[in-house]
Amino acid sequence: MRNTCFWDVDSRKLDREKDKFFIISRVLEYGTMEDVVNLLSEYDSAEIAQVVRRSRIIGRATANFWGLILNIPRSEIIRCLEPADFHRKR
């Protein structure tokens, strides 16, 4: 894994299974095409789709893009599409 996606952690210490959610989120949001190709060879589309559905690390544009690629209904992409101030609403 390249440090462009993991600038704040030691990527050598990331565990493929234990840190799957973090790894997939970071690569989808910050990775190059080469990173994404490597990601697709490591994880299946169902695992990636689960991250797209729940991640707050990836942005709206990334979530929308991967939602289209993976045929995820927009209504299922919940976390990253919430308004930025959702926790302040009363």
C-alpha atoms as a PDB file:
ATOM      1  CA  MET A   1       0.000   0.000   0.000  1.00  0.00           C
ATOM      2  CA  ARG A   2       1.169   3.452  -0.839  1.00  0.00           C
ATOM      3  CA  ASN A   3       1.611   6.201   1.696  1.00  0.00           C
ATOM      4  CA  THR A   4      -0.551   8.613  -0.310  1.00  0.00           C
ATOM      5  CA  CYS A   5      -3.584   6.967   1.287  1.00  0.00           C
ATOM      6  CA  PHE A   6      -2.082   6.329   4.716  1.00  0.00           C
ATOM      7  CA  TRP A   7      -0.022   9.399   5.518  1.00  0.00           C
ATOM      8  CA  ASP A   8      -0.982   9.379   9.197  1.00  0.00           C
ATOM      9  CA  VAL A   9      -0.478   5.690  10.012  1.00  0.00           C
ATOM     10  CA  ASP A  10       2.206   3.091   9.451  1.00  0.00           C
ATOM     11  CA  SER A  11       0.711   1.176   6.524  1.00  0.00           C
ATOM     12  CA  ARG A  12       2.943  -1.806   7.278  1.00  0.00           C
ATOM     13  CA  LYS A  13       1.033  -2.328  10.531  1.00  0.00           C
ATOM     14  CA  LEU A  14      -2.408  -2.396   8.908  1.00  0.00           C
ATOM     15  CA  ASP A  15      -4.084  -5.782   8.997  1.00  0.00           C
ATOM     16  CA  ARG A  16      -5.948  -6.737   5.801  1.00  0.00           C
ATOM     17  CA  GLU A  17      -8.980  -8.075   7.673  1.00  0.00           C
ATOM     18  CA  LYS A  18      -8.990  -6.158  10.930  1.00  0.00           C
ATOM     19  CA  ASP A  19      -8.483  -2.775   9.234  1.00  0.00           C
ATOM     20  CA  LYS A  20     -10.529  -3.574   6.122  1.00  0.00           C
ATOM     21  CA  PHE A  21     -13.051  -0.739   6.595  1.00  0.00           C
ATOM     22  CA  PHE A  22     -10.304   1.851   7.081  1.00  0.00           C
ATOM     23  CA  ILE A  23      -8.187   0.573   4.183  1.00  0.00           C
ATOM     24  CA  ILE A  24     -11.068   0.468   1.711  1.00  0.00           C
ATOM     25  CA  SER A  25     -12.339   3.903   2.758  1.00  0.00           C
ATOM     26  CA  ARG A  26      -8.943   5.534   2.402  1.00  0.00           C
ATOM     27  CA  VAL A  27      -8.158   3.952  -0.964  1.00  0.00           C
ATOM     28  CA  LEU A  28     -11.547   4.858  -2.430  1.00  0.00           C
ATOM     29  CA  GLU A  29     -11.182   8.449  -1.272  1.00  0.00           C
ATOM     30  CA  TYR A  30      -7.467   9.135  -1.804  1.00  0.00           C
ATOM     31  CA  GLY A  31      -6.080   6.325  -3.947  1.00  0.00           C
ATOM     32  CA  THR A  32      -4.756   6.416  -7.472  1.00  0.00           C
ATOM     33  CA  MET A  33      -6.107   4.157 -10.202  1.00  0.00           C
ATOM     34  CA  GLU A  34      -3.312   1.705  -9.404  1.00  0.00           C
ATOM     35  CA  ASP A  35      -4.348   1.711  -5.727  1.00  0.00           C
ATOM     36  CA  VAL A  36      -7.968   1.026  -6.682  1.00  0.00           C
ATOM     37  CA  VAL A  37      -6.963  -1.833  -8.993  1.00  0.00           C
ATOM     38  CA  ASN A  38      -4.957  -3.360  -6.143  1.00  0.00           C
ATOM     39  CA  LEU A  39      -7.892  -2.846  -3.791  1.00  0.00           C
ATOM     40  CA  LEU A  40     -10.230  -4.646  -6.193  1.00  0.00           C
ATOM     41  CA  SER A  41      -7.853  -7.596  -6.255  1.00  0.00           C
ATOM     42  CA  GLU A  42      -7.757  -7.749  -2.437  1.00  0.00           C
ATOM     43  CA  TYR A  43     -11.450  -7.264  -1.595  1.00  0.00           C
ATOM     44  CA  ASP A  44     -14.612  -8.335  -3.366  1.00  0.00           C
ATOM     45  CA  SER A  45     -17.238  -5.872  -4.528  1.00  0.00           C
ATOM     46  CA  ALA A  46     -19.623  -6.801  -1.678  1.00  0.00           C
ATOM     47  CA  GLU A  47     -17.009  -5.814   0.916  1.00  0.00           C
ATOM     48  CA  ILE A  48     -16.329  -2.557  -0.890  1.00  0.00           C
ATOM     49  CA  ALA A  49     -20.047  -1.839  -1.237  1.00  0.00           C
ATOM     50  CA  GLN A  50     -20.513  -2.280   2.535  1.00  0.00           C
ATOM     51  CA  VAL A  51     -17.869   0.367   3.147  1.00  0.00           C
ATOM     52  CA  VAL A  52     -19.448   2.749   0.630  1.00  0.00           C
ATOM     53  CA  ARG A  53     -22.775   2.317   2.419  1.00  0.00           C
ATOM     54  CA  ARG A  54     -21.417   3.109   5.888  1.00  0.00           C
ATOM     55  CA  SER A  55     -18.199   5.111   5.647  1.00  0.00           C
ATOM     56  CA  ARG A  56     -17.887   8.632   6.955  1.00  0.00           C
ATOM     57  CA  ILE A  57     -14.326   8.831   5.659  1.00  0.00           C
ATOM     58  CA  ILE A  58     -15.292   9.011   2.006  1.00  0.00           C
ATOM     59  CA  GLY A  59     -16.854  12.156   0.626  1.00  0.00           C
ATOM     60  CA  ARG A  60     -20.108  12.654  -1.216  1.00  0.00           C
ATOM     61  CA  ALA A  61     -18.585  12.606  -4.684  1.00  0.00           C
ATOM     62  CA  THR A  62     -16.663   9.412  -3.960  1.00  0.00           C
ATOM     63  CA  ALA A  63     -19.733   7.733  -2.461  1.00  0.00           C
ATOM     64  CA  ASN A  64     -21.910   8.733  -5.394  1.00  0.00           C
ATOM     65  CA  PHE A  65     -19.306   7.523  -7.896  1.00  0.00           C
ATOM     66  CA  TRP A  66     -18.839   4.132  -6.230  1.00  0.00           C
ATOM     67  CA  GLY A  67     -22.570   3.840  -5.675  1.00  0.00           C
ATOM     68  CA  LEU A  68     -23.022   4.062  -9.433  1.00  0.00           C
ATOM     69  CA  ILE A  69     -20.167   1.645 -10.154  1.00  0.00           C
ATOM     70  CA  LEU A  70     -21.401  -0.918  -7.608  1.00  0.00           C
ATOM     71  CA  ASN A  71     -25.139  -0.411  -8.250  1.00  0.00           C
ATOM     72  CA  ILE A  72     -25.852   0.778  -4.719  1.00  0.00           C
ATOM     73  CA  PRO A  73     -29.111   2.717  -4.430  1.00  0.00           C
ATOM     74  CA  ARG A  74     -28.456   6.267  -3.268  1.00  0.00           C
ATOM     75  CA  SER A  75     -30.839   5.713  -0.360  1.00  0.00           C
ATOM     76  CA  GLU A  76     -28.411   3.102   1.000  1.00  0.00           C
ATOM     77  CA  ILE A  77     -25.411   5.423   1.016  1.00  0.00           C
ATOM     78  CA  ILE A  78     -26.246   6.878   4.378  1.00  0.00           C
ATOM     79  CA  ARG A  79     -23.259   7.993   6.414  1.00  0.00           C
ATOM     80  CA  CYS A  80     -21.273  10.170   4.045  1.00  0.00           C
ATOM     81  CA  LEU A  81     -24.375  11.794   2.552  1.00  0.00           C
ATOM     82  CA  GLU A  82     -25.660  13.048   5.889  1.00  0.00           C
ATOM     83  CA  PRO A  83     -25.413  16.824   6.283  1.00  0.00           C
ATOM     84  CA  ALA A  84     -22.129  17.852   7.873  1.00  0.00           C
ATOM     85  CA  ASP A  85     -24.002  19.348  10.834  1.00  0.00           C
ATOM     86  CA  PHE A  86     -26.376  16.397  11.377  1.00  0.00           C
ATOM     87  CA  HIS A  87     -25.286  16.077  15.017  1.00  0.00           C
ATOM     88  CA  ARG A  88     -26.179  19.711  15.767  1.00  0.00           C
ATOM     89  CA  LYS A  89     -29.775  19.514  14.634  1.00  0.00           C
ATOM     90  CA  ARG A  90     -32.389  19.678  17.384  1.00  0.00           C
END
